[in-house]
Amino acid sequence: MLSRVIEIGETIEFSGKAVVCLASDPNIMKKTGKILHTAWIADKFHFRDVNGRHHLNPFCLKRMLLMTGHTWLASVMPEFVRIPSWFIAAMFHKFY
């Protein structure tokens, strides 16, 4: 599974493009204090990775299906279907 994550992962330049876009944004103060994913920034500022790839939001169900090897199911899943952030938080929370 790790090799699949590396295969569909972002390049270092993609993160750099995201930083440049945020630094040049006149409304940057509206984004302070938040966790912003590079894929979300790429969607908002309309840029792609240096290899031409369009990276999906980490909360995108299609991306999760691709990462786990369910390529057929991912091919029919629309990109707008998202996993709620509260669900992700609940999955990684340790209940005592």
Protein backbone atom coordinates (compact mmCIF):
# COMPACT_ATOMS: atom_id res chain seq x y z
CA MET A 1 0.00 0.00 0.00
CA LEU A 2 2.89 2.39 0.71
CA SER A 3 4.12 2.09 -2.86
CA ARG A 4 0.65 3.10 -4.09
CA VAL A 5 0.68 6.18 -1.84
CA ILE A 6 4.10 7.18 -3.18
CA GLU A 7 2.97 6.57 -6.76
CA ILE A 8 -0.03 8.91 -6.54
CA GLY A 9 1.62 11.35 -4.11
CA GLU A 10 2.56 14.96 -4.57
CA THR A 11 5.96 16.27 -5.65
CA ILE A 12 7.87 18.77 -3.54
CA GLU A 13 7.24 21.42 -6.18
CA PHE A 14 3.47 21.02 -5.69
CA SER A 15 3.80 22.08 -2.04
CA GLY A 16 5.97 25.00 -3.15
CA LYS A 17 3.34 26.16 -5.62
CA ALA A 18 0.75 26.06 -2.83
CA VAL A 19 2.96 28.24 -0.60
CA VAL A 20 3.50 30.75 -3.43
CA CYS A 21 -0.24 30.96 -4.10
CA LEU A 22 -1.02 31.54 -0.44
CA ALA A 23 1.72 34.16 -0.12
CA SER A 24 0.35 36.07 -3.11
CA ASP A 25 -3.28 35.88 -1.97
CA PRO A 26 -4.60 39.32 -0.91
CA ASN A 27 -7.13 37.63 1.41
CA ILE A 28 -4.55 35.53 3.23
CA MET A 29 -5.75 36.69 6.65
CA LYS A 30 -9.04 34.83 6.11
CA LYS A 31 -7.05 31.60 5.85
CA THR A 32 -4.87 32.00 8.94
CA GLY A 33 -5.35 29.62 11.85
CA LYS A 34 -6.65 26.84 9.60
CA ILE A 35 -5.23 23.62 8.27
CA LEU A 36 -5.19 23.89 4.49
CA HIS A 37 -4.42 20.89 2.31
CA THR A 38 -2.35 21.47 -0.79
CA ALA A 39 -4.98 19.78 -2.98
CA TRP A 40 -7.61 22.25 -1.73
CA ILE A 41 -5.26 25.17 -2.48
CA ALA A 42 -4.62 23.75 -5.97
CA ASP A 43 -8.37 23.58 -6.63
CA LYS A 44 -8.89 27.14 -5.45
CA PHE A 45 -5.93 28.64 -7.35
CA HIS A 46 -6.18 26.36 -10.41
CA PHE A 47 -2.74 24.80 -10.62
CA ARG A 48 -1.43 21.27 -11.16
CA ASP A 49 1.65 19.37 -10.14
CA VAL A 50 4.82 19.65 -12.29
CA ASN A 51 4.07 16.24 -13.81
CA GLY A 52 0.59 17.45 -14.84
CA ARG A 53 -1.29 15.49 -12.20
CA HIS A 54 -4.37 16.80 -10.47
CA HIS A 55 -4.25 15.75 -6.82
CA LEU A 56 -7.46 15.00 -4.99
CA ASN A 57 -8.48 16.38 -1.64
CA PRO A 58 -7.47 14.00 1.20
CA PHE A 59 -11.12 13.87 2.29
CA CYS A 60 -12.17 12.79 -1.21
CA LEU A 61 -13.58 9.25 -1.18
CA LYS A 62 -12.22 8.66 -4.69
CA ARG A 63 -8.67 9.27 -3.44
CA MET A 64 -9.13 6.85 -0.56
CA LEU A 65 -10.37 4.19 -2.97
CA LEU A 66 -7.38 4.75 -5.27
CA MET A 67 -4.92 4.55 -2.38
CA THR A 68 -6.37 1.24 -1.18
CA GLY A 69 -6.27 -0.32 -4.64
CA HIS A 70 -10.00 -0.20 -5.43
CA THR A 71 -9.40 1.31 -8.86
CA TRP A 72 -12.60 0.06 -10.50
CA LEU A 73 -14.78 1.54 -7.77
CA ALA A 74 -12.73 4.76 -7.83
CA SER A 75 -13.30 5.08 -11.58
CA VAL A 76 -17.07 5.37 -11.08
CA MET A 77 -16.90 7.53 -7.92
CA PRO A 78 -17.37 11.28 -8.51
CA GLU A 79 -14.72 13.59 -7.03
CA PHE A 80 -17.22 15.70 -5.09
CA VAL A 81 -18.09 12.85 -2.67
CA ARG A 82 -16.23 13.71 0.53
CA ILE A 83 -15.61 11.94 3.82
CA PRO A 84 -16.76 14.21 6.68
CA SER A 85 -13.89 15.56 8.78
CA TRP A 86 -15.66 14.50 12.00
CA PHE A 87 -15.61 10.90 10.72
CA ILE A 88 -11.85 11.04 10.09
CA ALA A 89 -11.33 12.51 13.56
CA ALA A 90 -13.44 9.77 15.13
CA MET A 91 -11.46 7.06 13.30
CA PHE A 92 -8.16 8.22 14.75
CA HIS A 93 -9.42 9.12 18.21
CA LYS A 94 -8.51 6.73 21.00
CA PHE A 95 -11.56 6.01 23.08
CA TYR A 96 -10.79 5.09 26.69
